Amino acid sequence: MNLPTKAEIEAAGLKILVNVPMERTIDNISFWHFWNIAAKGWDIPPYVYGRTDQNRHLGAWWLLDHDYTHIVMLDCDHIHPPDIVERLAARVMEDDKRLVVGGLNFKRWEPHDPCIYVVDADGEMRVPLKWGQGIFPVVAIGHGCIIISREVFEQLDPPWWAYAYGHMDVRKFPSEDMYFSRKCQEAGIELYVDTTLTSPHNAPHWATEVQFRKFLADNPDKIKVLPGVNGQKKKKVRKPKPKKVKA
């Protein structure tokens, strides 16, 4: 792909705000990669550490209060390539109907599965095991690196991101980017993943597709319990029956 320059992106009518929702201390390696991105002159909103969902909102409001057309969100616990903004912008310039495009990133914990979800033949939302090189629609996507059009925030009412606590019984806490994905899905806004773009995720080691594939190879007995693999459905978790208290 021939990437546009910052001048070409702006000449095409895109004015991009780069948002880094800082909730954690930035790793040294991550910092130097952010420095290379910021050195190109992209606008970055001025705010301090805070919860990720709150800082995503601050970035979105900063966009709406100014004349930006898009916001690029880059999580601070990834190593982002120096041309990541140009690569995300290029996907929007190819098709302006793409309002949300993210990279293919992987979870920090095992099995390091990809932060994207598709719908299988049974209508279940699953993590895919295989994908090609390119761009395709998904029903949910993580926000490690993502570009979002101003139109999304004008179409949807806030909150755009929120943590969900409705699955406490099974000890699951869907993150704020899954909330955003669900709101887009309900509003008919398509989400896209660019599988040629990835930002290694900071874990005890850097999490990429390599770690995901290694987990699958080393743990064949666990493949059946991975969401979306082999069409397996999630097992129901039995709730413990309350104990009777003697009078």
Protein backbone atom coordinates (compact mmCIF):
# COMPACT_ATOMS: atom_id res chain seq x y z
CA MET A 1 0.00 0.00 0.00
CA ASN A 2 1.30 3.46 -0.94
CA LEU A 3 0.78 5.51 2.19
CA PRO A 4 -0.31 9.16 2.00
CA THR A 5 1.76 11.82 3.71
CA LYS A 6 0.31 14.02 6.45
CA ALA A 7 -0.01 16.85 3.89
CA GLU A 8 -1.86 14.56 1.45
CA ILE A 9 -4.19 13.35 4.19
CA GLU A 10 -5.10 16.92 5.13
CA ALA A 11 -5.45 17.92 1.47
CA ALA A 12 -8.01 15.12 1.12
CA GLY A 13 -10.11 16.82 3.81
CA LEU A 14 -9.14 14.73 6.85
CA LYS A 15 -8.14 16.56 10.01
CA ILE A 16 -6.97 14.00 12.53
CA LEU A 17 -6.69 14.23 16.31
CA VAL A 18 -4.38 11.65 17.92
CA ASN A 19 -5.57 10.54 21.35
CA VAL A 20 -3.49 8.50 23.82
CA PRO A 21 -5.83 7.54 26.70
CA MET A 22 -3.22 7.26 29.45
CA GLU A 23 -4.21 5.11 32.39
CA ARG A 24 -0.85 3.42 32.92
CA THR A 25 2.78 4.45 33.03
CA ILE A 26 4.18 4.27 29.50
CA ASP A 27 6.91 1.70 28.94
CA ASN A 28 10.20 3.12 27.66
CA ILE A 29 9.95 1.30 24.33
CA SER A 30 6.35 2.45 23.86
CA PHE A 31 7.33 6.03 24.69
CA TRP A 32 9.95 6.22 21.94
CA HIS A 33 7.46 4.91 19.41
CA PHE A 34 4.93 7.55 20.52
CA TRP A 35 7.65 10.17 20.19
CA ASN A 36 8.20 9.21 16.53
CA ILE A 37 4.47 9.55 15.86
CA ALA A 38 4.07 12.87 17.70
CA ALA A 39 7.14 14.32 15.94
CA LYS A 40 5.17 14.35 12.69
CA GLY A 41 3.01 17.15 14.06
CA TRP A 42 -0.31 15.43 14.74
CA ASP A 43 -2.54 17.29 17.21
CA ILE A 44 -2.78 15.63 20.64
CA PRO A 45 -5.35 16.76 23.26
CA PRO A 46 -3.87 17.98 26.57
CA TYR A 47 -5.05 15.99 29.56
CA VAL A 48 -3.56 13.84 32.34
CA TYR A 49 -3.78 10.29 33.59
CA GLY A 50 -7.27 8.90 34.18
CA ARG A 51 -9.50 5.92 33.54
CA THR A 52 -9.34 4.71 29.97
CA ASP A 53 -13.06 5.15 29.34
CA GLN A 54 -12.96 8.70 30.71
CA ASN A 55 -9.96 9.69 28.61
CA ARG A 56 -11.55 8.25 25.48
CA HIS A 57 -14.52 10.54 26.14
CA LEU A 58 -12.26 13.53 26.71
CA GLY A 59 -10.65 12.87 23.34
CA ALA A 60 -14.02 12.53 21.60
CA TRP A 61 -15.30 15.76 23.17
CA TRP A 62 -12.10 17.54 22.15
CA LEU A 63 -12.79 16.42 18.58
CA LEU A 64 -16.39 17.67 18.72
CA ASP A 65 -15.37 21.00 20.23
CA HIS A 66 -12.97 21.61 17.33
CA ASP A 67 -12.99 21.02 13.60
CA TYR A 68 -11.43 17.56 13.48
CA THR A 69 -12.93 14.97 11.14
CA HIS A 70 -11.40 11.87 12.77
CA ILE A 71 -9.77 10.72 15.96
CA VAL A 72 -7.02 8.10 16.10
CA MET A 73 -6.78 6.34 19.46
CA LEU A 74 -3.48 4.70 20.37
CA ASP A 75 -3.38 2.78 23.64
CA CYS A 76 -0.26 3.45 25.70
CA ASP A 77 0.53 -0.23 26.39
CA HIS A 78 1.39 -1.05 22.77
CA ILE A 79 4.33 -0.52 20.45
CA HIS A 80 2.86 1.42 17.53
CA PRO A 81 4.59 1.69 14.14
CA PRO A 82 5.64 5.26 13.28
CA ASP A 83 3.31 5.38 10.25
CA ILE A 84 0.25 4.08 12.09
CA VAL A 85 -1.80 7.27 11.66
CA GLU A 86 -1.11 7.33 7.92
CA ARG A 87 -2.02 3.66 7.60
CA LEU A 88 -5.33 4.07 9.40
CA ALA A 89 -6.11 7.24 7.44
CA ALA A 90 -5.35 5.45 4.17
CA ARG A 91 -8.10 2.91 4.87
CA VAL A 92 -10.61 5.72 5.37
CA MET A 93 -9.41 7.51 2.23
CA GLU A 94 -9.98 4.30 0.23
CA ASP A 95 -13.64 4.30 1.29
CA ASP A 96 -15.18 7.18 3.24
CA LYS A 97 -18.05 4.90 4.33
CA ARG A 98 -15.60 3.20 6.70
CA LEU A 99 -16.34 5.12 9.86
CA VAL A 100 -14.39 2.86 12.23
CA VAL A 101 -11.20 0.98 11.33
CA GLY A 102 -8.83 -0.70 13.77
CA GLY A 103 -5.69 -2.76 13.64
CA LEU A 104 -5.38 -6.47 14.44
CA ASN A 105 -4.12 -6.59 18.02
CA PHE A 106 -3.84 -9.39 20.54
CA LYS A 107 -4.76 -9.72 24.22
CA ARG A 108 -2.01 -9.47 26.80
CA TRP A 109 -3.05 -12.66 28.61
CA GLU A 110 -3.06 -16.23 27.30
CA PRO A 111 -4.13 -17.44 24.84
CA HIS A 112 -3.33 -14.00 23.36
CA ASP A 113 -6.30 -14.30 21.02
CA PRO A 114 -7.07 -11.42 18.63
CA CYS A 115 -9.17 -8.49 19.86
CA ILE A 116 -11.78 -8.91 17.13
CA TYR A 117 -15.10 -10.74 16.98
CA VAL A 118 -17.16 -12.08 14.09
CA VAL A 119 -20.49 -13.91 13.90
CA ASP A 120 -20.32 -17.64 13.12
CA ALA A 121 -22.82 -19.81 11.20
CA ASP A 122 -24.86 -20.31 14.39
CA GLY A 123 -25.19 -16.58 14.94
CA GLU A 124 -22.76 -16.65 17.87
CA MET A 125 -20.16 -13.89 18.37
CA ARG A 126 -16.76 -15.55 18.17
CA VAL A 127 -13.04 -14.83 17.97
CA PRO A 128 -11.80 -16.02 14.54
CA LEU A 129 -8.96 -18.51 14.28
CA LYS A 130 -7.96 -17.66 10.72
CA TRP A 131 -8.00 -14.50 8.62
CA GLY A 132 -6.49 -13.18 5.43
CA GLN A 133 -4.37 -10.12 4.77
CA GLY A 134 -6.49 -7.04 4.20
CA ILE A 135 -9.57 -5.36 5.62
CA PHE A 136 -12.93 -6.88 6.50
CA PRO A 137 -15.95 -6.10 8.73
CA VAL A 138 -16.23 -7.37 12.30
CA VAL A 139 -18.92 -7.03 14.96
CA ALA A 140 -16.56 -5.92 17.72
CA ILE A 141 -12.98 -4.67 17.88
CA GLY A 142 -10.46 -3.67 20.53
CA HIS A 143 -9.17 -0.11 20.58
CA GLY A 144 -5.42 -0.70 20.75
CA CYS A 145 -5.14 1.35 17.55
CA ILE A 146 -8.23 2.67 15.83
CA ILE A 147 -9.55 5.55 13.74
CA ILE A 148 -13.10 6.81 14.31
CA SER A 149 -15.01 9.33 12.23
CA ARG A 150 -16.59 12.40 13.77
CA GLU A 151 -19.87 11.17 12.27
CA VAL A 152 -19.99 8.32 14.79
CA PHE A 153 -20.05 10.69 17.78
CA GLU A 154 -22.61 12.91 16.08
CA GLN A 155 -24.85 9.91 15.41
CA LEU A 156 -24.56 8.17 18.78
CA ASP A 157 -25.41 9.61 22.18
CA PRO A 158 -22.81 9.34 24.96
CA PRO A 159 -21.61 7.42 26.82
CA TRP A 160 -19.68 5.93 23.92
CA TRP A 161 -17.45 3.80 26.16
CA ALA A 162 -18.28 2.11 29.45
CA TYR A 163 -17.26 -0.89 31.49
CA ALA A 164 -19.94 -3.55 31.95
CA TYR A 165 -20.49 -5.26 35.27
CA GLY A 166 -23.50 -7.41 34.36
CA HIS A 167 -21.50 -10.65 34.21
CA MET A 168 -20.11 -10.69 37.73
CA ASP A 169 -21.52 -14.18 38.31
CA VAL A 170 -19.07 -15.62 35.76
CA ARG A 171 -16.28 -13.17 36.64
CA LYS A 172 -16.31 -11.46 33.24
CA PHE A 173 -15.80 -7.73 32.76
CA PRO A 174 -16.37 -6.67 29.13
CA SER A 175 -14.16 -3.68 28.46
CA GLU A 176 -15.14 -0.22 27.31
CA ASP A 177 -14.27 -0.91 23.67
CA MET A 178 -16.78 -3.79 23.60
CA TYR A 179 -19.43 -1.35 24.83
CA PHE A 180 -18.53 1.00 21.97
CA SER A 181 -18.68 -1.88 19.49
CA ARG A 182 -22.13 -2.90 20.70
CA LYS A 183 -23.45 0.66 20.37
CA CYS A 184 -22.13 0.84 16.81
CA GLN A 185 -23.62 -2.56 15.99
CA GLU A 186 -27.04 -1.52 17.30
CA ALA A 187 -26.88 1.70 15.24
CA GLY A 188 -25.86 -0.08 12.04
CA ILE A 189 -22.35 1.39 12.00
CA GLU A 190 -19.92 -1.13 10.52
CA LEU A 191 -16.58 -1.80 12.18
CA TYR A 192 -13.54 -2.90 10.18
CA VAL A 193 -10.22 -4.54 11.01
CA ASP A 194 -7.06 -4.07 8.98
CA THR A 195 -5.12 -7.32 9.44
CA THR A 196 -1.98 -5.81 7.89
CA LEU A 197 -1.65 -3.45 10.85
CA THR A 198 -0.73 -4.60 14.35
CA SER A 199 0.78 -3.05 17.48
CA PRO A 200 2.44 -5.53 19.89
CA HIS A 201 0.69 -5.52 23.27
CA ASN A 202 2.69 -5.05 26.47
CA ALA A 203 2.53 -8.17 28.65
CA PRO A 204 5.25 -10.07 30.52
CA HIS A 205 6.33 -10.43 26.88
CA TRP A 206 5.04 -8.52 23.87
CA ALA A 207 1.81 -10.18 22.74
CA THR A 208 1.41 -10.70 18.98
CA GLU A 209 0.02 -13.37 16.67
CA VAL A 210 3.20 -15.37 17.32
CA GLN A 211 2.23 -15.91 20.98
CA PHE A 212 -1.35 -16.77 19.98
CA ARG A 213 -0.19 -19.43 17.50
CA LYS A 214 2.33 -20.80 20.01
CA PHE A 215 -0.39 -21.18 22.64
CA LEU A 216 -2.57 -23.12 20.19
CA ALA A 217 0.35 -25.40 19.24
CA ASP A 218 1.37 -25.99 22.87
CA ASN A 219 -2.18 -26.48 24.18
CA PRO A 220 -4.21 -28.48 21.64
CA ASP A 221 -6.45 -29.73 24.45
CA LYS A 222 -7.55 -26.17 25.17
CA ILE A 223 -8.48 -25.18 21.63
CA LYS A 224 -12.03 -26.38 22.09
CA VAL A 225 -12.66 -23.88 24.90
CA LEU A 226 -11.39 -20.86 22.98
CA PRO A 227 -14.26 -18.58 21.89
CA GLY A 228 -14.94 -19.02 18.19
CA VAL A 229 -12.68 -22.03 17.58
CA ASN A 230 -14.25 -25.13 16.01
CA GLY A 231 -17.70 -23.63 16.51
CA GLN A 232 -17.72 -24.63 20.17
CA LYS A 233 -20.30 -22.90 22.29
CA LYS A 234 -19.53 -21.54 25.70
CA LYS A 235 -20.30 -23.82 28.61
CA LYS A 236 -23.01 -22.65 30.92
CA VAL A 237 -21.79 -21.79 34.39
CA ARG A 238 -23.95 -23.27 37.10
CA LYS A 239 -24.78 -20.87 39.84
CA PRO A 240 -24.33 -22.30 43.36
CA LYS A 241 -27.58 -23.01 45.15
CA PRO A 242 -28.11 -20.95 48.29
CA LYS A 243 -27.59 -22.92 51.47
CA LYS A 244 -30.59 -23.36 53.73
CA VAL A 245 -30.17 -21.74 57.11
CA LYS A 246 -31.61 -23.69 60.01
CA ALA A 247 -33.89 -21.75 62.27
